N, C-alpha and C. Protein backbone atom coordinates (compact mmCIF):
# COMPACT_ATOMS: atom_id res chain seq x y z
N MET A 1 0.81 -1.20 0.00
CA MET A 1 0.00 0.00 0.00
C MET A 1 0.85 1.26 0.00
N THR A 2 2.13 1.12 0.08
CA THR A 2 2.96 2.32 0.10
C THR A 2 3.03 2.99 -1.26
N ASN A 3 2.66 2.28 -2.33
CA ASN A 3 2.68 2.85 -3.67
C ASN A 3 1.29 3.21 -4.18
N LEU A 4 0.31 3.28 -3.30
CA LEU A 4 -1.06 3.59 -3.69
C LEU A 4 -1.12 4.94 -4.39
N ARG A 5 -1.75 4.97 -5.57
CA ARG A 5 -1.83 6.19 -6.36
C ARG A 5 -3.26 6.72 -6.45
N GLU A 6 -4.24 5.84 -6.43
CA GLU A 6 -5.64 6.26 -6.52
C GLU A 6 -6.44 5.57 -5.43
N LEU A 7 -7.42 6.28 -4.87
CA LEU A 7 -8.26 5.73 -3.83
C LEU A 7 -9.68 6.20 -4.06
N GLU A 8 -10.62 5.26 -4.09
CA GLU A 8 -12.04 5.60 -4.18
C GLU A 8 -12.72 5.04 -2.95
N ILE A 9 -13.55 5.86 -2.32
CA ILE A 9 -14.26 5.47 -1.11
C ILE A 9 -15.74 5.51 -1.43
N TYR A 10 -16.42 4.38 -1.30
CA TYR A 10 -17.83 4.30 -1.66
C TYR A 10 -18.75 4.24 -0.45
N ARG A 11 -18.21 4.24 0.70
CA ARG A 11 -19.04 4.19 1.90
C ARG A 11 -18.72 5.41 2.77
N PRO A 12 -19.70 5.89 3.51
CA PRO A 12 -19.42 7.02 4.39
C PRO A 12 -18.46 6.62 5.50
N PHE A 13 -17.73 7.56 5.98
CA PHE A 13 -16.78 7.32 7.05
C PHE A 13 -16.54 8.64 7.76
N ASN A 14 -15.99 8.54 8.95
CA ASN A 14 -15.65 9.75 9.70
C ASN A 14 -14.29 10.21 9.20
N ILE A 15 -14.28 11.27 8.43
CA ILE A 15 -13.05 11.71 7.78
C ILE A 15 -11.97 12.12 8.78
N GLU A 16 -12.37 12.61 9.95
CA GLU A 16 -11.40 13.03 10.95
C GLU A 16 -10.63 11.83 11.51
N ASN A 17 -11.27 10.67 11.56
CA ASN A 17 -10.64 9.49 12.16
C ASN A 17 -10.20 8.47 11.12
N PHE A 18 -10.23 8.84 9.86
CA PHE A 18 -9.96 7.89 8.78
C PHE A 18 -8.60 7.23 8.94
N ASN A 19 -7.56 7.99 9.14
CA ASN A 19 -6.22 7.41 9.24
C ASN A 19 -6.10 6.44 10.41
N GLU A 20 -6.56 6.87 11.57
CA GLU A 20 -6.32 6.09 12.77
C GLU A 20 -7.23 4.87 12.88
N GLU A 21 -8.51 5.08 12.82
CA GLU A 21 -9.44 3.99 13.09
C GLU A 21 -9.62 3.05 11.92
N GLU A 22 -9.72 3.57 10.71
CA GLU A 22 -10.01 2.71 9.58
C GLU A 22 -8.76 2.03 9.03
N LEU A 23 -7.61 2.56 9.29
CA LEU A 23 -6.40 1.96 8.77
C LEU A 23 -5.64 1.16 9.83
N GLY A 24 -6.01 1.32 11.08
CA GLY A 24 -5.36 0.57 12.14
C GLY A 24 -3.87 0.82 12.18
N GLU A 25 -3.10 -0.25 12.13
CA GLU A 25 -1.65 -0.14 12.23
C GLU A 25 -0.97 0.14 10.89
N ASN A 26 -1.74 0.13 9.80
CA ASN A 26 -1.15 0.39 8.48
C ASN A 26 -0.66 1.82 8.38
N PRO A 27 0.30 2.07 7.52
CA PRO A 27 0.73 3.45 7.33
C PRO A 27 -0.42 4.27 6.77
N PRO A 28 -0.52 5.52 7.13
CA PRO A 28 -1.64 6.34 6.67
C PRO A 28 -1.57 6.61 5.17
N ILE A 29 -2.33 5.83 4.38
CA ILE A 29 -2.30 5.99 2.93
C ILE A 29 -2.80 7.35 2.50
N ILE A 30 -3.63 7.95 3.32
CA ILE A 30 -4.18 9.24 2.90
C ILE A 30 -3.08 10.31 2.86
N GLY A 31 -1.98 10.06 3.51
CA GLY A 31 -0.85 10.98 3.46
C GLY A 31 0.28 10.47 2.58
N SER A 32 0.02 9.42 1.84
CA SER A 32 1.04 8.83 0.98
C SER A 32 1.57 9.83 -0.03
N LYS A 33 2.88 9.81 -0.23
CA LYS A 33 3.47 10.74 -1.20
C LYS A 33 3.11 10.36 -2.63
N TYR A 34 2.53 9.18 -2.83
CA TYR A 34 2.15 8.75 -4.17
C TYR A 34 0.67 8.99 -4.48
N LEU A 35 -0.15 9.24 -3.46
CA LEU A 35 -1.58 9.42 -3.67
C LEU A 35 -1.85 10.72 -4.41
N TYR A 36 -2.45 10.61 -5.60
CA TYR A 36 -2.74 11.81 -6.38
C TYR A 36 -4.20 11.90 -6.78
N SER A 37 -4.99 10.85 -6.57
CA SER A 37 -6.40 10.89 -6.95
C SER A 37 -7.23 10.28 -5.84
N LEU A 38 -8.24 11.00 -5.39
CA LEU A 38 -9.12 10.54 -4.33
C LEU A 38 -10.55 10.84 -4.73
N SER A 39 -11.40 9.82 -4.73
CA SER A 39 -12.83 10.00 -5.01
C SER A 39 -13.61 9.60 -3.77
N ILE A 40 -14.52 10.45 -3.34
CA ILE A 40 -15.40 10.14 -2.23
C ILE A 40 -16.81 10.11 -2.80
N ILE A 41 -17.42 8.95 -2.80
CA ILE A 41 -18.72 8.78 -3.41
C ILE A 41 -19.67 8.23 -2.36
N ASN A 42 -20.74 8.95 -2.08
CA ASN A 42 -21.69 8.54 -1.06
C ASN A 42 -22.99 8.14 -1.74
N TYR A 43 -23.19 6.85 -1.92
CA TYR A 43 -24.43 6.38 -2.53
C TYR A 43 -25.55 6.45 -1.50
N GLY A 44 -26.72 6.84 -1.94
CA GLY A 44 -27.89 6.95 -1.06
C GLY A 44 -28.46 5.59 -0.72
N GLU A 45 -29.50 5.61 0.07
CA GLU A 45 -30.14 4.37 0.47
C GLU A 45 -30.63 3.58 -0.74
N HIS A 46 -30.54 2.27 -0.64
CA HIS A 46 -31.05 1.33 -1.63
C HIS A 46 -30.36 1.42 -2.98
N GLU A 47 -29.23 2.04 -3.05
CA GLU A 47 -28.49 2.06 -4.31
C GLU A 47 -27.35 1.07 -4.21
N SER A 48 -27.10 0.39 -5.26
CA SER A 48 -26.10 -0.66 -5.26
C SER A 48 -24.71 -0.10 -5.49
N VAL A 49 -23.78 -0.49 -4.65
CA VAL A 49 -22.38 -0.14 -4.84
C VAL A 49 -21.74 -1.17 -5.77
N ASP A 50 -22.06 -2.39 -5.55
CA ASP A 50 -21.55 -3.52 -6.32
C ASP A 50 -22.78 -4.34 -6.70
N PRO A 51 -22.87 -4.88 -7.90
CA PRO A 51 -24.05 -5.66 -8.27
C PRO A 51 -24.38 -6.79 -7.29
N LYS A 52 -23.39 -7.24 -6.53
CA LYS A 52 -23.63 -8.34 -5.59
C LYS A 52 -24.07 -7.84 -4.22
N HIS A 53 -24.01 -6.57 -3.97
CA HIS A 53 -24.33 -6.02 -2.65
C HIS A 53 -25.36 -4.91 -2.77
N LEU A 54 -26.19 -4.78 -1.78
CA LEU A 54 -27.16 -3.70 -1.73
C LEU A 54 -26.88 -2.87 -0.50
N ALA A 55 -26.64 -1.59 -0.69
CA ALA A 55 -26.38 -0.70 0.44
C ALA A 55 -27.72 -0.20 0.97
N VAL A 56 -28.01 -0.49 2.20
CA VAL A 56 -29.32 -0.16 2.73
C VAL A 56 -29.28 1.04 3.66
N SER A 57 -28.26 1.19 4.46
CA SER A 57 -28.27 2.26 5.46
C SER A 57 -26.98 3.07 5.47
N PHE A 58 -26.74 3.77 4.39
CA PHE A 58 -25.60 4.68 4.36
C PHE A 58 -25.99 6.00 5.01
N LEU A 59 -25.09 6.58 5.74
CA LEU A 59 -25.31 7.89 6.32
C LEU A 59 -24.63 8.93 5.45
N ALA A 60 -25.26 10.07 5.28
CA ALA A 60 -24.69 11.14 4.47
C ALA A 60 -23.59 11.86 5.25
N VAL A 61 -22.56 12.29 4.54
CA VAL A 61 -21.48 13.06 5.15
C VAL A 61 -21.97 14.49 5.33
N GLN A 62 -22.07 14.95 6.57
CA GLN A 62 -22.57 16.30 6.87
C GLN A 62 -21.44 17.29 7.12
N GLU A 63 -20.35 16.80 7.71
CA GLU A 63 -19.24 17.70 8.04
C GLU A 63 -18.42 18.04 6.81
N ASP A 64 -17.95 19.26 6.77
CA ASP A 64 -17.11 19.72 5.66
C ASP A 64 -15.83 18.88 5.62
N PRO A 65 -15.61 18.14 4.53
CA PRO A 65 -14.41 17.32 4.45
C PRO A 65 -13.16 18.10 4.03
N MET A 66 -13.35 19.33 3.55
CA MET A 66 -12.22 20.09 3.00
C MET A 66 -11.09 20.36 3.99
N PRO A 67 -11.36 20.72 5.25
CA PRO A 67 -10.24 20.98 6.17
C PRO A 67 -9.29 19.80 6.33
N THR A 68 -9.79 18.60 6.18
CA THR A 68 -8.93 17.42 6.25
C THR A 68 -8.31 17.11 4.90
N LEU A 69 -9.12 17.12 3.85
CA LEU A 69 -8.62 16.76 2.52
C LEU A 69 -7.58 17.74 2.00
N GLU A 70 -7.70 19.01 2.37
CA GLU A 70 -6.76 20.01 1.85
C GLU A 70 -5.35 19.83 2.38
N LYS A 71 -5.19 18.98 3.37
CA LYS A 71 -3.87 18.73 3.95
C LYS A 71 -3.12 17.61 3.22
N LEU A 72 -3.78 16.95 2.27
CA LEU A 72 -3.11 15.88 1.53
C LEU A 72 -2.09 16.52 0.60
N PRO A 73 -0.81 16.29 0.84
CA PRO A 73 0.23 17.06 0.17
C PRO A 73 0.35 16.85 -1.34
N ASN A 74 -0.03 15.68 -1.83
CA ASN A 74 0.18 15.39 -3.25
C ASN A 74 -1.11 15.11 -4.01
N LEU A 75 -2.24 15.42 -3.41
CA LEU A 75 -3.52 15.17 -4.05
C LEU A 75 -3.66 16.05 -5.28
N ARG A 76 -3.92 15.42 -6.43
CA ARG A 76 -4.04 16.19 -7.68
C ARG A 76 -5.45 16.21 -8.23
N ILE A 77 -6.23 15.16 -7.95
CA ILE A 77 -7.59 15.06 -8.47
C ILE A 77 -8.53 14.75 -7.32
N LEU A 78 -9.58 15.54 -7.17
CA LEU A 78 -10.58 15.30 -6.13
C LEU A 78 -11.96 15.39 -6.75
N LYS A 79 -12.73 14.33 -6.57
CA LYS A 79 -14.13 14.30 -7.00
C LYS A 79 -14.98 14.14 -5.76
N LEU A 80 -15.71 15.15 -5.42
CA LEU A 80 -16.56 15.11 -4.23
C LEU A 80 -18.00 14.98 -4.70
N VAL A 81 -18.63 13.87 -4.33
CA VAL A 81 -19.98 13.57 -4.78
C VAL A 81 -20.89 13.37 -3.58
N SER A 82 -22.02 14.04 -3.59
CA SER A 82 -23.09 13.86 -2.61
C SER A 82 -22.73 14.24 -1.19
N PHE A 83 -21.81 15.15 -1.00
CA PHE A 83 -21.59 15.75 0.32
C PHE A 83 -22.87 16.49 0.69
N GLU A 84 -23.37 16.32 1.90
CA GLU A 84 -24.68 16.85 2.25
C GLU A 84 -24.64 18.08 3.14
N GLY A 85 -23.48 18.61 3.41
CA GLY A 85 -23.39 19.80 4.24
C GLY A 85 -23.81 21.05 3.48
N LYS A 86 -23.96 22.15 4.22
CA LYS A 86 -24.40 23.41 3.63
C LYS A 86 -23.25 24.35 3.32
N GLU A 87 -22.10 24.12 3.93
CA GLU A 87 -20.95 25.01 3.73
C GLU A 87 -19.68 24.21 3.51
N MET A 88 -18.79 24.78 2.72
CA MET A 88 -17.45 24.22 2.51
C MET A 88 -16.45 25.35 2.59
N PHE A 89 -15.27 25.03 3.11
CA PHE A 89 -14.24 26.05 3.27
C PHE A 89 -12.88 25.49 2.86
N CYS A 90 -12.19 26.20 1.97
CA CYS A 90 -10.83 25.84 1.56
C CYS A 90 -9.91 26.95 2.04
N SER A 91 -8.99 26.62 2.92
CA SER A 91 -8.14 27.64 3.53
C SER A 91 -6.86 27.89 2.73
N ALA A 92 -6.23 29.01 3.02
CA ALA A 92 -4.96 29.39 2.37
C ALA A 92 -3.95 28.26 2.55
N GLN A 93 -3.19 28.00 1.55
CA GLN A 93 -2.19 26.93 1.49
C GLN A 93 -2.81 25.54 1.44
N GLY A 94 -4.13 25.43 1.39
CA GLY A 94 -4.78 24.13 1.28
C GLY A 94 -4.71 23.61 -0.15
N PHE A 95 -4.67 22.31 -0.30
CA PHE A 95 -4.62 21.64 -1.61
C PHE A 95 -3.46 22.17 -2.47
N PRO A 96 -2.23 22.08 -2.00
CA PRO A 96 -1.11 22.68 -2.73
C PRO A 96 -0.87 22.12 -4.13
N GLU A 97 -1.21 20.85 -4.38
CA GLU A 97 -0.95 20.24 -5.68
C GLU A 97 -2.22 19.92 -6.46
N LEU A 98 -3.38 20.26 -5.92
CA LEU A 98 -4.64 19.91 -6.58
C LEU A 98 -4.76 20.57 -7.94
N GLU A 99 -4.99 19.75 -8.97
CA GLU A 99 -5.11 20.26 -10.34
C GLU A 99 -6.54 20.20 -10.86
N SER A 100 -7.33 19.26 -10.35
CA SER A 100 -8.70 19.09 -10.83
C SER A 100 -9.64 18.86 -9.65
N LEU A 101 -10.70 19.66 -9.60
CA LEU A 101 -11.71 19.55 -8.54
C LEU A 101 -13.07 19.43 -9.18
N SER A 102 -13.81 18.40 -8.79
CA SER A 102 -15.16 18.19 -9.29
C SER A 102 -16.11 18.13 -8.10
N LEU A 103 -17.11 19.00 -8.12
CA LEU A 103 -18.16 19.02 -7.10
C LEU A 103 -19.44 18.60 -7.79
N SER A 104 -19.99 17.47 -7.39
CA SER A 104 -21.14 16.92 -8.11
C SER A 104 -22.23 16.47 -7.14
N GLY A 105 -23.44 16.94 -7.40
CA GLY A 105 -24.58 16.51 -6.60
C GLY A 105 -24.54 16.97 -5.16
N LEU A 106 -23.93 18.12 -4.91
CA LEU A 106 -23.90 18.66 -3.55
C LEU A 106 -25.17 19.50 -3.37
N HIS A 107 -26.28 18.82 -3.21
CA HIS A 107 -27.60 19.44 -3.27
C HIS A 107 -27.89 20.41 -2.14
N ASN A 108 -27.22 20.29 -1.01
CA ASN A 108 -27.47 21.19 0.11
C ASN A 108 -26.46 22.33 0.21
N LEU A 109 -25.41 22.27 -0.58
CA LEU A 109 -24.35 23.27 -0.48
C LEU A 109 -24.86 24.65 -0.86
N LYS A 110 -24.77 25.57 0.10
CA LYS A 110 -25.22 26.95 -0.14
C LYS A 110 -24.05 27.91 -0.26
N GLU A 111 -23.00 27.64 0.51
CA GLU A 111 -21.88 28.58 0.54
C GLU A 111 -20.56 27.83 0.46
N TRP A 112 -19.70 28.32 -0.42
CA TRP A 112 -18.37 27.75 -0.59
C TRP A 112 -17.39 28.90 -0.50
N ASN A 113 -16.50 28.83 0.47
CA ASN A 113 -15.50 29.88 0.67
C ASN A 113 -14.11 29.34 0.33
N VAL A 114 -13.36 30.15 -0.38
CA VAL A 114 -11.99 29.80 -0.76
C VAL A 114 -11.10 30.97 -0.39
N ASP A 115 -10.15 30.73 0.51
CA ASP A 115 -9.19 31.76 0.90
C ASP A 115 -8.19 32.03 -0.22
N GLU A 116 -7.66 33.23 -0.24
CA GLU A 116 -6.56 33.54 -1.16
C GLU A 116 -5.39 32.64 -0.80
N GLY A 117 -4.80 32.01 -1.79
CA GLY A 117 -3.68 31.09 -1.55
C GLY A 117 -4.09 29.63 -1.55
N ALA A 118 -5.38 29.36 -1.54
CA ALA A 118 -5.85 27.96 -1.60
C ALA A 118 -5.77 27.46 -3.04
N MET A 119 -5.55 26.20 -3.21
CA MET A 119 -5.52 25.52 -4.51
C MET A 119 -4.67 26.26 -5.55
N PRO A 120 -3.41 26.53 -5.25
CA PRO A 120 -2.58 27.32 -6.17
C PRO A 120 -2.23 26.63 -7.49
N SER A 121 -2.52 25.33 -7.60
CA SER A 121 -2.21 24.59 -8.83
C SER A 121 -3.46 24.18 -9.61
N LEU A 122 -4.62 24.61 -9.15
CA LEU A 122 -5.87 24.18 -9.77
C LEU A 122 -5.96 24.62 -11.22
N GLN A 123 -6.24 23.65 -12.10
CA GLN A 123 -6.37 23.94 -13.53
C GLN A 123 -7.78 23.71 -14.04
N ARG A 124 -8.50 22.80 -13.40
CA ARG A 124 -9.84 22.45 -13.88
C ARG A 124 -10.80 22.38 -12.70
N LEU A 125 -11.94 23.06 -12.85
CA LEU A 125 -12.99 23.04 -11.84
C LEU A 125 -14.30 22.69 -12.52
N GLU A 126 -14.97 21.70 -11.97
CA GLU A 126 -16.27 21.30 -12.50
C GLU A 126 -17.30 21.37 -11.38
N ILE A 127 -18.39 22.06 -11.66
CA ILE A 127 -19.50 22.16 -10.71
C ILE A 127 -20.73 21.59 -11.41
N TRP A 128 -21.29 20.57 -10.81
CA TRP A 128 -22.34 19.80 -11.46
C TRP A 128 -23.48 19.60 -10.46
N GLU A 129 -24.62 20.14 -10.75
CA GLU A 129 -25.83 19.88 -9.98
C GLU A 129 -25.70 20.23 -8.50
N CYS A 130 -25.22 21.41 -8.22
CA CYS A 130 -25.16 21.94 -6.85
C CYS A 130 -26.20 23.05 -6.78
N HIS A 131 -27.46 22.68 -6.74
CA HIS A 131 -28.57 23.59 -6.99
C HIS A 131 -28.70 24.75 -6.02
N HIS A 132 -28.27 24.60 -4.79
CA HIS A 132 -28.41 25.68 -3.82
C HIS A 132 -27.21 26.62 -3.77
N LEU A 133 -26.16 26.28 -4.48
CA LEU A 133 -24.98 27.16 -4.54
C LEU A 133 -25.33 28.35 -5.42
N LYS A 134 -25.33 29.53 -4.82
CA LYS A 134 -25.78 30.72 -5.54
C LYS A 134 -24.67 31.42 -6.30
N MET A 135 -23.43 31.28 -5.82
CA MET A 135 -22.32 31.96 -6.48
C MET A 135 -21.02 31.23 -6.21
N LEU A 136 -20.05 31.50 -7.06
CA LEU A 136 -18.71 30.95 -6.86
C LEU A 136 -18.00 31.75 -5.78
N PRO A 137 -17.05 31.13 -5.10
CA PRO A 137 -16.34 31.84 -4.04
C PRO A 137 -15.46 32.97 -4.56
N GLU A 138 -15.33 33.99 -3.77
CA GLU A 138 -14.50 35.16 -4.09
C GLU A 138 -13.05 34.74 -4.37
N GLY A 139 -12.57 33.75 -3.62
CA GLY A 139 -11.19 33.32 -3.74
C GLY A 139 -10.79 32.73 -5.07
N LEU A 140 -11.77 32.37 -5.90
CA LEU A 140 -11.41 31.81 -7.22
C LEU A 140 -10.68 32.82 -8.08
N ARG A 141 -10.90 34.09 -7.85
CA ARG A 141 -10.24 35.09 -8.69
C ARG A 141 -8.73 35.11 -8.47
N PHE A 142 -8.27 34.53 -7.37
CA PHE A 142 -6.84 34.48 -7.08
C PHE A 142 -6.17 33.23 -7.64
N ILE A 143 -6.95 32.30 -8.16
CA ILE A 143 -6.39 31.06 -8.70
C ILE A 143 -6.11 31.28 -10.18
N THR A 144 -4.95 31.82 -10.45
CA THR A 144 -4.58 32.22 -11.82
C THR A 144 -4.20 31.03 -12.70
N THR A 145 -4.03 29.87 -12.10
CA THR A 145 -3.69 28.66 -12.87
C THR A 145 -4.93 28.01 -13.49
N LEU A 146 -6.11 28.45 -13.10
CA LEU A 146 -7.35 27.84 -13.56
C LEU A 146 -7.53 28.05 -15.07
N LYS A 147 -7.61 26.93 -15.80
CA LYS A 147 -7.72 26.98 -17.26
C LYS A 147 -9.12 26.63 -17.76
N GLU A 148 -9.86 25.88 -16.94
CA GLU A 148 -11.19 25.46 -17.39
C GLU A 148 -12.17 25.44 -16.22
N LEU A 149 -13.33 26.02 -16.46
CA LEU A 149 -14.45 25.97 -15.53
C LEU A 149 -15.62 25.38 -16.28
N LYS A 150 -16.12 24.26 -15.78
CA LYS A 150 -17.27 23.61 -16.42
C LYS A 150 -18.43 23.63 -15.44
N VAL A 151 -19.53 24.23 -15.87
CA VAL A 151 -20.72 24.36 -15.04
C VAL A 151 -21.85 23.59 -15.73
N THR A 152 -22.36 22.57 -15.06
CA THR A 152 -23.36 21.69 -15.65
C THR A 152 -24.57 21.54 -14.74
N LEU A 153 -25.75 21.59 -15.34
CA LEU A 153 -27.01 21.41 -14.62
C LEU A 153 -27.13 22.32 -13.41
N MET A 154 -26.75 23.56 -13.61
CA MET A 154 -26.93 24.59 -12.59
C MET A 154 -28.01 25.54 -13.11
N GLY A 155 -28.53 26.36 -12.23
CA GLY A 155 -29.60 27.27 -12.62
C GLY A 155 -29.14 28.36 -13.57
N LYS A 156 -30.09 28.91 -14.31
CA LYS A 156 -29.74 29.95 -15.27
C LYS A 156 -29.26 31.21 -14.56
N THR A 157 -29.74 31.47 -13.34
CA THR A 157 -29.26 32.62 -12.57
C THR A 157 -27.78 32.46 -12.25
N PHE A 158 -27.38 31.26 -11.85
CA PHE A 158 -25.98 30.97 -11.56
C PHE A 158 -25.14 31.22 -12.82
N LYS A 159 -25.63 30.74 -13.94
CA LYS A 159 -24.93 30.93 -15.21
C LYS A 159 -24.79 32.41 -15.56
N HIS A 160 -25.88 33.16 -15.42
CA HIS A 160 -25.85 34.59 -15.78
C HIS A 160 -24.86 35.37 -14.92
N ARG A 161 -24.70 34.97 -13.67
CA ARG A 161 -23.74 35.66 -12.79
C ARG A 161 -22.31 35.51 -13.30
N LEU A 162 -22.03 34.41 -14.01
CA LEU A 162 -20.67 34.12 -14.48
C LEU A 162 -20.41 34.58 -15.91
N GLU A 163 -21.43 34.99 -16.60
CA GLU A 163 -21.25 35.46 -17.97
C GLU A 163 -20.59 36.83 -17.98
N GLU A 164 -20.13 37.25 -19.13
CA GLU A 164 -19.31 38.45 -19.26
C GLU A 164 -19.90 39.70 -18.60
N GLU A 165 -21.18 39.89 -18.63
CA GLU A 165 -21.80 41.05 -18.00
C GLU A 165 -22.33 40.74 -16.60
N GLY A 166 -22.11 39.52 -16.12
CA GLY A 166 -22.65 39.10 -14.83
C GLY A 166 -21.87 39.65 -13.65
N GLU A 167 -22.54 39.70 -12.50
CA GLU A 167 -21.92 40.30 -11.32
C GLU A 167 -20.75 39.50 -10.74
N ASP A 168 -20.61 38.24 -11.11
CA ASP A 168 -19.49 37.43 -10.62
C ASP A 168 -18.44 37.14 -11.69
N PHE A 169 -18.59 37.74 -12.85
CA PHE A 169 -17.65 37.47 -13.94
C PHE A 169 -16.21 37.81 -13.55
N TYR A 170 -16.03 38.84 -12.74
CA TYR A 170 -14.68 39.24 -12.33
C TYR A 170 -13.94 38.11 -11.61
N LYS A 171 -14.67 37.17 -11.03
CA LYS A 171 -14.05 36.05 -10.33
C LYS A 171 -13.43 35.04 -11.29
N VAL A 172 -13.95 35.01 -12.53
CA VAL A 172 -13.52 33.98 -13.48
C VAL A 172 -13.04 34.55 -14.81
N LYS A 173 -12.90 35.85 -14.91
CA LYS A 173 -12.53 36.45 -16.20
C LYS A 173 -11.15 36.00 -16.68
N HIS A 174 -10.30 35.54 -15.78
CA HIS A 174 -8.97 35.05 -16.14
C HIS A 174 -8.99 33.61 -16.66
N VAL A 175 -10.13 32.93 -16.58
CA VAL A 175 -10.24 31.53 -17.00
C VAL A 175 -10.51 31.49 -18.51
N PRO A 176 -9.60 30.92 -19.30
CA PRO A 176 -9.75 30.96 -20.75
C PRO A 176 -10.90 30.10 -21.30
N ASN A 177 -11.28 29.06 -20.59
CA ASN A 177 -12.30 28.15 -21.10
C ASN A 177 -13.41 27.97 -20.06
N ILE A 178 -14.54 28.64 -20.28
CA ILE A 178 -15.70 28.50 -19.40
C ILE A 178 -16.80 27.83 -20.21
N ILE A 179 -17.26 26.69 -19.70
CA ILE A 179 -18.24 25.88 -20.42
C ILE A 179 -19.51 25.78 -19.58
N PHE A 180 -20.63 26.08 -20.19
CA PHE A 180 -21.93 25.91 -19.55
C PHE A 180 -22.67 24.80 -20.28
N HIS A 181 -23.24 23.89 -19.52
CA HIS A 181 -24.00 22.80 -20.13
C HIS A 181 -25.30 22.61 -19.36
N ALA A 182 -26.42 22.73 -20.05
CA ALA A 182 -27.75 22.51 -19.47
C ALA A 182 -28.01 23.39 -18.26
N CYS A 183 -27.69 24.67 -18.37
CA CYS A 183 -27.92 25.62 -17.27
C CYS A 183 -29.13 26.50 -17.58
N TYR A 184 -30.19 25.91 -18.01
CA TYR A 184 -31.37 26.66 -18.41
C TYR A 184 -32.63 26.13 -17.72
N LEU A 185 -32.47 25.20 -16.83
CA LEU A 185 -33.61 24.48 -16.30
C LEU A 185 -34.42 25.26 -15.27
N TYR A 186 -33.81 26.13 -14.52
CA TYR A 186 -34.55 26.88 -13.49
C TYR A 186 -33.85 28.16 -13.19
């Protein structure tokens, strides 16, 4: 496990105790110098993780996972799916090597804050079906490495805020490739 490069987690867990309790005496893979891709996927009740198994009682992750995940020194790809909290916070110097961030199906997320200095290597950001998120964080304007922003299945108001005449365009005007897909539904 010392050469682990990718990790996908399909069951909920207490992110604060992940290293100690879930790994026992094993070296903490979450801090592995080789780990560059981490997917956290929280399937809802009665959805199958594996065709041979039926997940009946998964609990949703309510606590913001970012304060822990941002400390992973070599994490390059993060896909956060179905986080059920209302707020997320990325602090300065967090996610030093993160290149790609995907936020998908965060249906309760209302506010996302990003400090100046967070995610200094981010190149690609995808926001997909985060219906309650009203605006992008102010801190995105400081991420000059961002090359692509993909916004999918978000409201038309969210889209209009990011367009050239929109009130939040200044946050993303440095991003050369902004893609909107199916942002007309509500």
